[in-house]
C-alpha atoms as a PDB file:
ATOM      1  CA  UNK A   1      72.160   6.365  71.156  1.00  0.00           C
ATOM      2  CA  UNK A   2      74.344   3.285  70.580  1.00  0.00           C
ATOM      3  CA  UNK A   3      78.077   3.667  70.126  1.00  0.00           C
ATOM      4  CA  UNK A   4      79.008   3.558  66.452  1.00  0.00           C
ATOM      5  CA  UNK A   5      81.946   4.728  64.430  1.00  0.00           C
ATOM      6  CA  UNK A   6      80.203   7.991  63.618  1.00  0.00           C
ATOM      7  CA  UNK A   7      78.511   8.555  67.013  1.00  0.00           C
ATOM      8  CA  UNK A   8      80.716   8.177  70.085  1.00  0.00           C
ATOM      9  CA  UNK A   9      78.756   7.938  73.316  1.00  0.00           C
ATOM     10  CA  UNK A  10      78.561  10.803  75.751  1.00  0.00           C
ATOM     11  CA  UNK A  11      79.833   8.496  78.505  1.00  0.00           C
ATOM     12  CA  UNK A  12      82.986   7.611  76.566  1.00  0.00           C
ATOM     13  CA  UNK A  13      83.686  11.275  75.823  1.00  0.00           C
ATOM     14  CA  UNK A  14      83.067  12.231  79.458  1.00  0.00           C
ATOM     15  CA  UNK A  15      85.447   9.533  80.738  1.00  0.00           C
ATOM     16  CA  UNK A  16      88.265  10.630  78.443  1.00  0.00           C
ATOM     17  CA  UNK A  17      87.655  14.341  79.157  1.00  0.00           C
ATOM     18  CA  UNK A  18      87.867  13.577  82.877  1.00  0.00           C
ATOM     19  CA  UNK A  19      91.167  11.745  82.344  1.00  0.00           C
ATOM     20  CA  UNK A  20      92.557  14.694  80.395  1.00  0.00           C
ATOM     21  CA  UNK A  21      91.476  17.040  83.187  1.00  0.00           C
ATOM     22  CA  UNK A  22      93.240  14.882  85.771  1.00  0.00           C
ATOM     23  CA  UNK A  23      96.411  14.644  83.656  1.00  0.00           C
ATOM     24  CA  UNK A  24      96.557  18.438  83.424  1.00  0.00           C
ATOM     25  CA  UNK A  25      96.357  18.820  87.190  1.00  0.00           C
ATOM     26  CA  UNK A  26      92.631  19.596  87.451  1.00  0.00           C
ATOM     27  CA  UNK A  27      92.733  23.103  85.957  1.00  0.00           C
ATOM     28  CA  UNK A  28      89.602  25.237  86.161  1.00  0.00           C
ATOM     29  CA  UNK A  29      87.998  26.733  83.078  1.00  0.00           C
ATOM     30  CA  UNK A  30      89.206  24.101  80.598  1.00  0.00           C
ATOM     31  CA  UNK A  31      86.134  21.848  80.515  1.00  0.00           C
ATOM     32  CA  UNK A  32      85.213  22.728  76.941  1.00  0.00           C
ATOM     33  CA  UNK A  33      88.776  22.175  75.692  1.00  0.00           C
ATOM     34  CA  UNK A  34      88.913  18.784  77.431  1.00  0.00           C
ATOM     35  CA  UNK A  35      85.512  17.803  76.039  1.00  0.00           C
ATOM     36  CA  UNK A  36      86.462  18.748  72.478  1.00  0.00           C
ATOM     37  CA  UNK A  37      89.808  16.926  72.710  1.00  0.00           C
ATOM     38  CA  UNK A  38      88.090  13.850  74.147  1.00  0.00           C
ATOM     39  CA  UNK A  39      85.508  13.935  71.343  1.00  0.00           C
ATOM     40  CA  UNK A  40      88.298  14.076  68.752  1.00  0.00           C
ATOM     41  CA  UNK A  41      90.102  11.157  70.399  1.00  0.00           C
ATOM     42  CA  UNK A  42      86.995   8.983  70.655  1.00  0.00           C
ATOM     43  CA  UNK A  43      85.921   9.819  67.101  1.00  0.00           C
ATOM     44  CA  UNK A  44      89.315   9.057  65.585  1.00  0.00           C
ATOM     45  CA  UNK A  45      89.598   5.856  67.622  1.00  0.00           C
ATOM     46  CA  UNK A  46      86.142   4.751  66.486  1.00  0.00           C
ATOM     47  CA  UNK A  47      87.028   5.374  62.866  1.00  0.00           C
ATOM     48  CA  UNK A  48      90.331   3.505  63.247  1.00  0.00           C
ATOM     49  CA  UNK A  49      88.563   0.508  64.815  1.00  0.00           C
ATOM     50  CA  UNK A  50      85.704   0.393  62.323  1.00  0.00           C
ATOM     51  CA  UNK A  51      86.013  -2.395  59.775  1.00  0.00           C
ATOM     52  CA  UNK A  52      86.843  -1.146  56.291  1.00  0.00           C
ATOM     53  CA  UNK A  53      83.889  -0.838  53.947  1.00  0.00           C
ATOM     54  CA  UNK A  54      83.985  -3.042  50.871  1.00  0.00           C
ATOM     55  CA  UNK A  55      83.991  -1.274  47.575  1.00  0.00           C
ATOM     56  CA  UNK A  56      82.004  -2.630  44.659  1.00  0.00           C
ATOM     57  CA  UNK A  57      85.245  -3.865  43.053  1.00  0.00           C
ATOM     58  CA  UNK A  58      86.401  -5.581  46.257  1.00  0.00           C
ATOM     59  CA  UNK A  59      82.993  -7.206  46.687  1.00  0.00           C
ATOM     60  CA  UNK A  60      83.123  -8.625  43.149  1.00  0.00           C
ATOM     61  CA  UNK A  61      86.631  -9.987  43.695  1.00  0.00           C
ATOM     62  CA  UNK A  62      85.597 -11.819  46.857  1.00  0.00           C
ATOM     63  CA  UNK A  63      82.464 -13.356  45.318  1.00  0.00           C
ATOM     64  CA  UNK A  64      84.038 -14.410  42.024  1.00  0.00           C
ATOM     65  CA  UNK A  65      85.613 -17.837  42.205  1.00  0.00           C
ATOM     66  CA  UNK A  66      87.405 -19.785  39.533  1.00  0.00           C
ATOM     67  CA  UNK A  67      85.738 -23.107  38.794  1.00  0.00           C
ATOM     68  CA  UNK A  68      88.095 -25.908  37.797  1.00  0.00           C
END
């Protein structure tokens, strides 16, 4: 599945979860917590980086031009 704002890739989640695990000193039994935190981070980052969607009003404003 391609990486999109609504679908972070498993590889990106895994990489961040691994980093969290290392930062915490490699604790055992926290894999699920690290995975969930990584998913939240990747998802929020993807949403923050996604271009804003144009609303119908914004689309009209950008296509309407004054003719002189």
